[in-house]
Amino acid sequence: MTETHIDTPEHPTTGELALDDRASLQRVVGLSTELDDVTEVEYRQLRLERVVLVGVWTSGTLAQAEASLAELAALAETAGSEVLEALFQRRSKPDPATYLGSGKAQEVREVVLATGADTVVCDGELTPAQLTALEKVVKVKVIDRTALILDIFAQHATSREGKAQVSLAQMEYMLPRLRGWGESMSRQAGGRAGSNGGVGLRGPGETKIETDRRRIRERMAKLRKEIRGMKTARTVKRAARRRGTVPALTVVGYTNAGKSSLVNAMTGAGVLVQDALFATLDPTTRRAELADGHEVVFTDTVGFVRHLPTQLVEAFRSTLEEAVDADLLIHVVDGADPFPDLQISTVRQVLREVLEEEKLPPPPEMLVINKIDAIDDVRMTTLRAEFPDAVFVSARTGEGLPGLFDRITAFVQRDDVEADLQVPFARGEVISRLHQYAHVLSTEHNADGTRLHVRMPSALAGEFADLIV
């Protein structure tokens, strides 16, 4: 088997590989997470989910192909697997039969035998036929990127809504991939098994696989109904926040970009922070007060990833609605990632799909480059030139956070209205709301009631227009 090691900086990064290299499986070194010194044979036998990663490089540079497999390795580790080997093949498009092509699939089989792997993970979404054909060649379990992401979501979902959404997505993925052998393809006897069941009850009946499909469809219908009910409750809560005129700031971004860490740094909240992909699945909302007294609401959302399965985009629609209904999107980007522009385009593409379906205009966006503590000066200069309007912060060290708060404060104040209001004695609830949602600059009592000089959001000014003098 021909292999090319990709571990030197002078290796071409554009598509300028020699013909032999282009046709061979390329090894991506440095992705193996196997322990170097394991002497206990029993331990070796007990370890499960020892995986080999395989991908097809169809477009882009060599560095992008390696970065895609590195991300797949991170996904596999998050799911609890141990990466033994990472390989990819240069092709114009995946093979329609076996994804890699029959010859290269046989080479992957040799790698599986040599490493003792029990699973092959493909960097793409395979058709049911491709999964079956590739499994027959490599003779171990084969899963694709979609199944891997669904597995991570299933592990991390905690709320009732999150679990229901993951279950629905898994069933949508599983339904066309159900396979049957032996008894599962035999017919159940109509009526009483093995005898005549009477008029109208005789016949071949269903195969077990047909029964399984019917039950999955029934379960999916029930889950969709439950999720619609949960969506209604979420919409009511969101509407209540909107009536309070508190600006809604939704934190979006690529998975593991540091969104939860940033929300914690800005609000002091105890949102789960973990160096893992998809640590946050359920939206978390926290209030915070800016330096000028403005109250805002930060919402931490599920992260995005390249080739996010369509089943998940559909299932997590209610979560994504938190983003499209925001006053401001705080788009967090991992500055230490080698391709931040790809992260940004991925997030914007998913949000665009949701906005088009909901027929909503896109909310304003503030780009925040996170993890600057892990970036050298040369990289920082490049990023500042590439994203001149972005705010550069480190959620871990706190660097740049004052500047981010200043930008947020300027945004929140953009529509503020300063006015004098004359509030009659009978309208005491108005004074209460103004103290809660506006900035009362001065108060004066007179014979007709209370005169206040306030700075307030334009929505609140419209609500109390009849009291403005």
Protein backbone atom coordinates (compact mmCIF):
# COMPACT_ATOMS: atom_id res chain seq x y z
CA MET A 1 0.00 0.00 0.00
CA THR A 2 1.39 3.41 -0.97
CA GLU A 3 1.31 6.03 1.75
CA THR A 4 2.52 9.60 1.88
CA HIS A 5 3.50 11.19 5.17
CA ILE A 6 2.30 14.75 5.53
CA ASP A 7 4.40 16.16 8.31
CA THR A 8 6.71 18.76 6.80
CA PRO A 9 5.90 22.46 6.28
CA GLU A 10 7.44 22.46 2.83
CA HIS A 11 4.89 19.88 1.65
CA PRO A 12 2.75 21.49 -1.11
CA THR A 13 -0.61 22.75 0.16
CA THR A 14 -2.41 23.45 -3.09
CA GLY A 15 -3.09 20.33 -5.18
CA GLU A 16 0.43 20.04 -6.54
CA LEU A 17 0.91 16.42 -5.53
CA ALA A 18 2.71 13.93 -7.71
CA LEU A 19 0.49 11.56 -9.64
CA ASP A 20 1.33 8.58 -7.41
CA ASP A 21 0.57 10.61 -4.30
CA ARG A 22 -2.73 11.85 -5.69
CA ALA A 23 -3.90 8.30 -6.32
CA SER A 24 -2.80 6.92 -2.95
CA LEU A 25 -4.28 7.09 0.51
CA GLN A 26 -2.68 10.00 2.36
CA ARG A 27 -1.87 9.55 6.03
CA VAL A 28 -2.46 12.51 8.36
CA VAL A 29 0.12 12.15 11.11
CA GLY A 30 -0.32 13.38 14.65
CA LEU A 31 -4.00 12.53 15.02
CA SER A 32 -3.57 9.19 16.78
CA THR A 33 -4.68 9.27 20.40
CA GLU A 34 -3.51 5.73 21.19
CA LEU A 35 -1.25 5.38 24.23
CA ASP A 36 2.35 4.73 23.23
CA ASP A 37 3.20 2.32 26.00
CA VAL A 38 0.44 -0.22 26.58
CA THR A 39 1.78 -3.59 27.68
CA GLU A 40 -1.29 -5.16 29.28
CA VAL A 41 -2.81 -7.47 26.70
CA GLU A 42 -6.07 -7.62 28.64
CA TYR A 43 -6.38 -3.83 28.52
CA ARG A 44 -5.84 -3.84 24.78
CA GLN A 45 -8.64 -6.37 24.35
CA LEU A 46 -11.08 -4.47 26.56
CA ARG A 47 -10.76 -1.11 24.82
CA LEU A 48 -13.67 -0.39 22.53
CA GLU A 49 -14.32 2.06 19.69
CA ARG A 50 -10.79 2.03 18.33
CA VAL A 51 -11.37 3.94 15.12
CA VAL A 52 -9.72 4.58 11.78
CA LEU A 53 -10.75 7.83 10.09
CA VAL A 54 -11.10 7.97 6.31
CA GLY A 55 -12.03 10.89 4.09
CA VAL A 56 -12.28 11.92 0.46
CA TRP A 57 -10.54 15.16 -0.54
CA THR A 58 -12.63 16.56 -3.39
CA SER A 59 -11.81 20.28 -3.32
CA GLY A 60 -9.80 22.92 -1.49
CA THR A 61 -6.20 22.81 -0.33
CA LEU A 62 -4.30 19.98 1.29
CA ALA A 63 -4.29 21.92 4.58
CA GLN A 64 -8.10 22.17 4.48
CA ALA A 65 -8.38 18.41 3.86
CA GLU A 66 -6.13 17.72 6.84
CA ALA A 67 -8.07 20.22 8.99
CA SER A 68 -11.33 18.46 8.09
CA LEU A 69 -9.92 15.13 9.27
CA ALA A 70 -8.51 16.79 12.40
CA GLU A 71 -12.02 18.02 13.18
CA LEU A 72 -13.38 14.50 12.58
CA ALA A 73 -10.75 13.22 15.03
CA ALA A 74 -11.95 15.75 17.63
CA LEU A 75 -15.54 14.60 17.05
CA ALA A 76 -14.50 10.96 17.49
CA GLU A 77 -12.65 11.75 20.72
CA THR A 78 -15.64 13.72 22.03
CA ALA A 79 -17.78 10.64 21.36
CA GLY A 80 -15.37 8.58 23.48
CA SER A 81 -13.38 6.88 20.73
CA GLU A 82 -9.66 6.38 20.33
CA VAL A 83 -8.21 7.45 16.99
CA LEU A 84 -5.64 4.99 15.62
CA GLU A 85 -5.14 6.24 12.08
CA ALA A 86 -6.38 8.98 9.75
CA LEU A 87 -6.33 8.53 5.97
CA PHE A 88 -7.81 10.31 3.00
CA GLN A 89 -7.90 9.88 -0.75
CA ARG A 90 -7.82 12.52 -3.50
CA ARG A 91 -10.85 12.04 -5.76
CA SER A 92 -13.07 14.30 -7.84
CA LYS A 93 -16.08 12.90 -5.97
CA PRO A 94 -16.78 10.01 -3.56
CA ASP A 95 -17.23 6.61 -5.16
CA PRO A 96 -20.99 5.94 -5.46
CA ALA A 97 -20.56 2.30 -4.44
CA THR A 98 -18.04 2.20 -1.59
CA TYR A 99 -17.24 5.92 -0.94
CA LEU A 100 -13.46 5.33 -1.34
CA GLY A 101 -13.43 3.01 -4.32
CA SER A 102 -13.09 -0.77 -4.05
CA GLY A 103 -9.27 -0.84 -4.23
CA LYS A 104 -8.77 1.81 -1.56
CA ALA A 105 -11.47 0.22 0.61
CA GLN A 106 -9.40 -2.97 0.57
CA GLU A 107 -6.35 -0.96 1.65
CA VAL A 108 -8.41 0.44 4.56
CA ARG A 109 -9.21 -3.18 5.46
CA GLU A 110 -5.45 -3.84 5.71
CA VAL A 111 -5.04 -0.80 7.97
CA VAL A 112 -7.90 -2.05 10.16
CA LEU A 113 -6.19 -5.42 10.51
CA ALA A 114 -2.81 -3.84 11.26
CA THR A 115 -4.12 -1.45 13.93
CA GLY A 116 -6.78 -3.67 15.51
CA ALA A 117 -9.51 -1.08 14.92
CA ASP A 118 -13.14 -2.02 15.42
CA THR A 119 -14.76 0.96 13.64
CA VAL A 120 -14.18 2.99 10.49
CA VAL A 121 -15.46 6.58 10.56
CA CYS A 122 -16.04 8.30 7.21
CA ASP A 123 -15.76 12.09 6.85
CA GLY A 124 -19.03 12.58 4.99
CA GLU A 125 -22.62 11.39 4.89
CA LEU A 126 -22.81 7.95 3.27
CA THR A 127 -25.84 6.49 1.60
CA PRO A 128 -27.30 3.26 3.05
CA ALA A 129 -25.85 1.35 0.08
CA GLN A 130 -22.36 2.83 0.59
CA LEU A 131 -22.43 1.91 4.30
CA THR A 132 -23.40 -1.68 3.52
CA ALA A 133 -20.86 -2.10 0.71
CA LEU A 134 -17.98 -0.58 2.70
CA GLU A 135 -18.76 -2.73 5.75
CA LYS A 136 -18.59 -5.85 3.57
CA VAL A 137 -15.08 -4.88 2.46
CA VAL A 138 -13.53 -3.64 5.74
CA LYS A 139 -15.45 -6.21 7.83
CA VAL A 140 -15.89 -3.90 10.83
CA LYS A 141 -18.56 -1.37 11.78
CA VAL A 142 -18.69 1.69 9.50
CA ILE A 143 -20.30 4.95 10.55
CA ASP A 144 -20.37 8.31 8.84
CA ARG A 145 -19.92 11.86 10.10
CA THR A 146 -23.67 12.33 10.59
CA ALA A 147 -24.02 9.27 12.83
CA LEU A 148 -21.00 10.43 14.85
CA ILE A 149 -22.48 13.90 15.46
CA LEU A 150 -25.85 12.38 16.37
CA ASP A 151 -24.09 10.13 18.90
CA ILE A 152 -22.39 13.15 20.51
CA PHE A 153 -25.70 15.00 20.68
CA ALA A 154 -27.32 11.97 22.33
CA GLN A 155 -24.58 11.90 24.98
CA HIS A 156 -24.79 15.63 25.75
CA ALA A 157 -28.54 16.28 25.66
CA THR A 158 -29.84 16.96 29.18
CA SER A 159 -33.19 18.75 28.94
CA ARG A 160 -36.44 17.07 27.96
CA GLU A 161 -36.60 19.14 24.78
CA GLY A 162 -32.98 18.42 23.85
CA LYS A 163 -33.45 14.68 24.31
CA ALA A 164 -36.64 14.71 22.24
CA GLN A 165 -34.93 16.63 19.43
CA VAL A 166 -31.96 14.25 19.38
CA SER A 167 -34.25 11.20 19.38
CA LEU A 168 -36.20 12.60 16.44
CA ALA A 169 -33.02 13.33 14.49
CA GLN A 170 -31.65 9.84 15.16
CA MET A 171 -34.87 8.18 14.00
CA GLU A 172 -34.95 10.26 10.80
CA TYR A 173 -31.38 9.16 10.12
CA MET A 174 -32.05 5.53 11.05
CA LEU A 175 -35.29 4.98 9.12
CA PRO A 176 -33.82 4.62 5.59
CA ARG A 177 -30.83 2.69 6.97
CA LEU A 178 -32.71 -0.17 8.65
CA ARG A 179 -31.33 -3.46 7.38
CA GLY A 180 -32.71 -6.92 7.88
CA TRP A 181 -31.39 -10.43 7.67
CA GLY A 182 -32.89 -13.86 8.31
CA GLU A 183 -35.95 -13.74 10.54
CA SER A 184 -36.32 -9.97 10.27
CA MET A 185 -37.17 -10.40 6.57
CA SER A 186 -39.64 -13.26 7.07
CA ARG A 187 -43.36 -12.67 7.17
CA GLN A 188 -45.32 -12.80 10.37
CA ALA A 189 -48.28 -15.14 10.04
CA GLY A 190 -51.65 -13.50 9.63
CA GLY A 191 -54.18 -14.23 12.35
CA ARG A 192 -53.13 -16.90 14.87
CA ALA A 193 -49.61 -17.93 14.01
CA GLY A 194 -49.50 -21.16 12.04
CA SER A 195 -53.26 -21.51 11.68
CA ASN A 196 -56.21 -19.90 10.01
CA GLY A 197 -57.18 -16.72 11.83
CA GLY A 198 -60.65 -16.46 10.42
CA VAL A 199 -62.18 -14.27 7.75
CA GLY A 200 -60.16 -11.11 7.09
CA LEU A 201 -57.26 -12.21 9.28
CA ARG A 202 -55.42 -14.51 6.91
CA GLY A 203 -52.50 -13.28 4.85
CA PRO A 204 -48.76 -12.84 4.81
CA GLY A 205 -48.63 -10.08 7.46
CA GLU A 206 -45.68 -7.73 7.92
CA THR A 207 -42.00 -8.50 7.97
CA LYS A 208 -40.26 -7.56 11.18
CA ILE A 209 -38.41 -4.77 9.43
CA GLU A 210 -41.74 -3.32 8.25
CA THR A 211 -43.01 -3.47 11.81
CA ASP A 212 -39.89 -1.66 13.02
CA ARG A 213 -40.34 1.06 10.40
CA ARG A 214 -43.98 1.54 11.35
CA ARG A 215 -43.11 1.84 15.03
CA ILE A 216 -40.36 4.36 14.29
CA ARG A 217 -42.74 6.48 12.23
CA GLU A 218 -45.32 6.40 15.04
CA ARG A 219 -42.66 7.40 17.56
CA MET A 220 -41.45 10.21 15.27
CA ALA A 221 -44.99 11.59 14.96
CA LYS A 222 -45.32 11.58 18.75
CA LEU A 223 -41.96 13.34 19.19
CA ARG A 224 -42.85 16.01 16.63
CA LYS A 225 -46.06 16.72 18.55
CA GLU A 226 -44.13 16.98 21.85
CA ILE A 227 -41.52 19.31 20.31
CA ARG A 228 -44.28 21.56 18.90
CA GLY A 229 -45.71 21.86 22.42
CA MET A 230 -42.29 22.72 23.84
CA LYS A 231 -41.78 25.25 21.07
CA THR A 232 -45.01 27.00 22.10
CA ALA A 233 -43.76 27.32 25.69
CA ARG A 234 -40.44 28.71 24.46
CA THR A 235 -42.22 31.21 22.22
CA VAL A 236 -44.33 32.43 25.16
CA LYS A 237 -41.22 32.95 27.31
CA ARG A 238 -39.46 34.76 24.48
CA ALA A 239 -42.49 37.02 23.95
CA ALA A 240 -42.51 37.86 27.67
CA ARG A 241 -38.88 38.93 27.44
CA ARG A 242 -39.67 41.06 24.39
CA ARG A 243 -42.48 42.84 26.24
CA GLY A 244 -39.99 43.73 28.94
CA THR A 245 -37.93 45.62 26.30
CA VAL A 246 -34.73 43.99 27.59
CA PRO A 247 -32.34 43.67 24.61
CA ALA A 248 -31.80 40.01 23.64
CA LEU A 249 -28.17 39.24 22.74
CA THR A 250 -27.72 35.75 21.32
CA VAL A 251 -24.25 34.19 21.28
CA VAL A 252 -23.75 32.02 18.19
CA GLY A 253 -20.71 30.43 16.60
CA TYR A 254 -18.86 27.30 15.61
CA THR A 255 -18.71 24.44 18.08
CA ASN A 256 -15.96 24.81 20.70
CA ALA A 257 -15.35 28.45 19.74
CA GLY A 258 -15.72 29.47 23.41
CA LYS A 259 -19.33 30.72 23.44
CA SER A 260 -20.15 29.38 26.93
CA SER A 261 -16.87 30.69 28.32
CA LEU A 262 -17.68 34.13 26.92
CA VAL A 263 -21.19 34.10 28.41
CA ASN A 264 -19.69 33.15 31.78
CA ALA A 265 -17.09 35.90 31.54
CA MET A 266 -19.73 38.53 30.66
CA THR A 267 -22.42 37.48 33.15
CA GLY A 268 -20.66 35.54 35.91
CA ALA A 269 -23.07 32.68 35.19
CA GLY A 270 -22.24 29.05 35.82
CA VAL A 271 -22.90 27.80 32.29
CA LEU A 272 -21.21 24.46 31.57
CA VAL A 273 -17.81 25.02 30.02
CA GLN A 274 -15.97 22.04 28.56
CA ASP A 275 -13.19 21.68 26.01
CA ALA A 276 -15.31 19.40 23.85
CA LEU A 277 -17.42 19.68 20.75
CA PHE A 278 -21.14 20.27 21.39
CA ALA A 279 -20.80 20.64 25.18
CA THR A 280 -23.80 23.01 24.97
CA LEU A 281 -27.00 21.70 23.37
CA ASP A 282 -29.75 23.50 25.28
CA PRO A 283 -29.96 27.31 25.07
CA THR A 284 -29.09 28.99 28.37
CA THR A 285 -30.30 32.52 29.11
CA ARG A 286 -28.61 34.82 31.64
CA ARG A 287 -29.25 38.46 32.57
CA ALA A 288 -26.45 40.99 32.94
CA GLU A 289 -26.19 44.71 33.68
CA LEU A 290 -23.99 46.98 31.60
CA ALA A 291 -21.90 49.79 33.09
CA ASP A 292 -24.51 52.42 32.19
CA GLY A 293 -27.27 50.47 33.99
CA HIS A 294 -28.83 48.85 30.93
CA GLU A 295 -30.07 45.31 31.50
CA VAL A 296 -29.46 42.80 28.71
CA VAL A 297 -30.11 39.09 28.24
CA PHE A 298 -27.37 36.80 26.89
CA THR A 299 -28.45 33.48 25.35
CA ASP A 300 -25.87 30.71 24.82
CA THR A 301 -26.81 28.43 21.90
CA VAL A 302 -25.77 25.14 20.34
CA GLY A 303 -22.65 25.33 18.19
CA PHE A 304 -22.49 24.78 14.45
CA VAL A 305 -20.19 22.51 12.50
CA ARG A 306 -19.33 21.95 8.85
CA HIS A 307 -21.79 19.58 7.15
CA LEU A 308 -24.24 19.80 10.07
CA PRO A 309 -26.75 16.99 9.43
CA THR A 310 -30.02 18.23 7.97
CA GLN A 311 -31.88 16.13 10.54
CA LEU A 312 -30.27 18.15 13.32
CA VAL A 313 -30.95 21.51 11.68
CA GLU A 314 -34.62 20.53 11.49
CA ALA A 315 -34.78 19.03 14.99
CA PHE A 316 -33.07 21.97 16.67
CA ARG A 317 -35.22 24.55 14.90
CA SER A 318 -36.58 25.93 18.18
CA THR A 319 -33.04 26.37 19.49
CA LEU A 320 -32.03 28.24 16.35
CA GLU A 321 -35.09 30.48 16.66
CA GLU A 322 -33.41 32.04 19.70
CA ALA A 323 -30.75 33.29 17.29
CA VAL A 324 -32.97 34.62 14.51
CA ASP A 325 -35.23 36.47 17.00
CA ALA A 326 -32.33 38.28 18.71
CA ASP A 327 -31.71 42.02 18.81
CA LEU A 328 -28.02 41.34 18.26
CA LEU A 329 -26.04 38.25 17.24
CA ILE A 330 -22.68 37.97 18.99
CA HIS A 331 -20.85 35.72 16.54
CA VAL A 332 -17.94 34.06 18.37
CA VAL A 333 -15.05 32.74 16.27
CA ASP A 334 -12.10 30.60 17.40
CA GLY A 335 -9.12 32.78 16.50
CA ALA A 336 -6.74 29.86 17.02
CA ASP A 337 -8.44 27.81 14.29
CA PRO A 338 -6.43 27.67 11.04
CA PHE A 339 -9.51 28.52 8.92
CA PRO A 340 -11.73 30.98 10.83
CA ASP A 341 -13.35 32.18 7.59
CA LEU A 342 -14.75 28.67 7.01
CA GLN A 343 -16.22 28.68 10.52
CA ILE A 344 -17.88 32.04 9.87
CA SER A 345 -19.36 30.98 6.52
CA THR A 346 -20.70 27.73 8.05
CA VAL A 347 -22.54 29.57 10.84
CA ARG A 348 -23.95 32.21 8.50
CA GLN A 349 -25.16 29.58 6.03
CA VAL A 350 -27.16 27.67 8.68
CA LEU A 351 -28.65 30.90 10.07
CA ARG A 352 -29.56 32.01 6.54
CA GLU A 353 -31.50 28.79 5.98
CA VAL A 354 -33.49 29.30 9.19
CA LEU A 355 -34.16 32.97 8.40
CA GLU A 356 -35.40 32.15 4.91
CA GLU A 357 -37.78 29.52 6.28
CA GLU A 358 -39.09 31.84 9.01
CA LYS A 359 -39.24 34.73 6.48
CA LEU A 360 -37.39 37.02 8.89
CA PRO A 361 -34.78 39.72 8.20
CA PRO A 362 -31.29 38.94 9.53
CA PRO A 363 -30.52 40.54 12.92
CA PRO A 364 -27.40 42.73 13.24
CA GLU A 365 -24.20 40.79 13.87
CA MET A 366 -21.13 41.59 15.98
CA LEU A 367 -18.09 39.48 15.15
CA VAL A 368 -15.99 38.46 18.20
CA ILE A 369 -12.63 36.72 17.70
CA ASN A 370 -12.02 34.63 20.84
CA LYS A 371 -8.95 32.79 22.23
CA ILE A 372 -6.48 35.59 21.42
CA ASP A 373 -4.36 34.34 24.34
CA ALA A 374 -3.49 31.35 22.12
CA ILE A 375 -2.47 33.47 19.10
CA ASP A 376 0.99 34.89 18.33
CA ASP A 377 1.57 38.48 17.19
CA VAL A 378 1.93 37.59 13.50
CA ARG A 379 -1.35 35.65 13.51
CA MET A 380 -3.05 38.51 15.39
CA THR A 381 -1.91 41.04 12.77
CA THR A 382 -3.29 38.82 10.00
CA LEU A 383 -6.66 38.41 11.73
CA ARG A 384 -7.00 42.15 12.42
CA ALA A 385 -6.39 42.85 8.74
CA GLU A 386 -8.87 40.14 7.66
CA PHE A 387 -11.61 41.14 10.16
CA PRO A 388 -11.18 44.90 10.79
CA ASP A 389 -14.62 45.31 12.40
CA ALA A 390 -14.28 42.41 14.84
CA VAL A 391 -13.74 42.62 18.60
CA PHE A 392 -10.75 40.60 19.83
CA VAL A 393 -11.11 38.98 23.26
CA SER A 394 -9.96 36.14 25.45
CA ALA A 395 -12.77 34.67 27.53
CA ARG A 396 -10.18 32.77 29.56
CA THR A 397 -7.98 35.72 30.58
CA GLY A 398 -10.54 38.54 30.25
CA GLU A 399 -8.42 40.46 27.74
CA GLY A 400 -10.55 42.62 25.44
CA LEU A 401 -13.79 42.18 27.42
CA PRO A 402 -14.07 45.90 28.39
CA GLY A 403 -13.94 46.80 24.70
CA LEU A 404 -16.63 44.21 23.94
CA PHE A 405 -18.87 45.66 26.67
CA ASP A 406 -18.33 49.16 25.21
CA ARG A 407 -19.43 47.95 21.76
CA ILE A 408 -22.50 46.22 23.25
CA THR A 409 -23.38 49.33 25.29
CA ALA A 410 -23.12 51.54 22.19
CA PHE A 411 -25.42 49.13 20.32
CA VAL A 412 -28.00 49.02 23.13
CA GLN A 413 -28.04 52.82 23.42
CA ARG A 414 -28.43 53.42 19.69
CA ASP A 415 -32.25 53.73 19.83
CA ASP A 416 -32.55 55.30 23.28
CA VAL A 417 -34.85 58.29 23.64
CA GLU A 418 -34.43 61.00 26.28
CA ALA A 419 -37.72 62.60 27.33
CA ASP A 420 -39.78 64.20 30.13
CA LEU A 421 -42.88 62.35 31.30
CA GLN A 422 -45.74 63.60 33.44
CA VAL A 423 -47.19 60.57 35.23
CA PRO A 424 -50.55 60.99 37.04
CA PHE A 425 -50.93 59.59 40.55
CA ALA A 426 -53.29 56.93 39.21
CA ARG A 427 -50.56 55.53 36.89
CA GLY A 428 -48.14 54.30 39.53
CA GLU A 429 -47.32 51.17 37.50
CA VAL A 430 -45.69 53.40 34.85
CA ILE A 431 -43.14 54.67 37.37
CA SER A 432 -42.39 51.10 38.38
CA ARG A 433 -41.77 50.04 34.77
CA LEU A 434 -39.61 53.07 34.07
CA HIS A 435 -37.40 52.29 37.06
CA GLN A 436 -37.14 48.68 35.85
CA TYR A 437 -36.51 49.19 32.12
CA ALA A 438 -35.33 52.80 31.71
CA HIS A 439 -32.81 55.18 33.27
CA VAL A 440 -34.57 57.71 35.50
CA LEU A 441 -32.28 60.75 35.46
CA SER A 442 -34.41 63.00 37.70
CA THR A 443 -37.72 62.89 39.57
CA GLU A 444 -39.94 65.77 40.66
CA HIS A 445 -43.32 65.60 42.41
CA ASN A 446 -46.00 68.20 41.64
CA ALA A 447 -49.73 68.70 42.05
CA ASP A 448 -50.60 66.64 38.97
CA GLY A 449 -48.40 63.63 39.77
CA THR A 450 -44.73 62.86 39.14
CA ARG A 451 -42.51 64.43 36.48
CA LEU A 452 -39.57 62.28 35.39
CA HIS A 453 -36.65 62.93 33.07
CA VAL A 454 -35.68 59.53 31.62
CA ARG A 455 -33.58 57.86 28.96
CA MET A 456 -35.45 54.81 27.65
CA PRO A 457 -35.62 52.40 24.70
CA SER A 458 -37.63 53.65 21.74
CA ALA A 459 -40.15 50.81 22.19
CA LEU A 460 -40.88 52.02 25.73
CA ALA A 461 -41.12 55.62 24.52
CA GLY A 462 -43.78 54.56 22.01
CA GLU A 463 -45.69 52.76 24.74
CA PHE A 464 -45.80 55.86 26.97
CA ALA A 465 -46.12 58.44 24.18
CA ASP A 466 -49.28 59.91 25.75
CA LEU A 467 -47.31 60.85 28.92
CA ILE A 468 -44.39 62.62 27.18
CA VAL A 469 -44.47 66.39 27.65
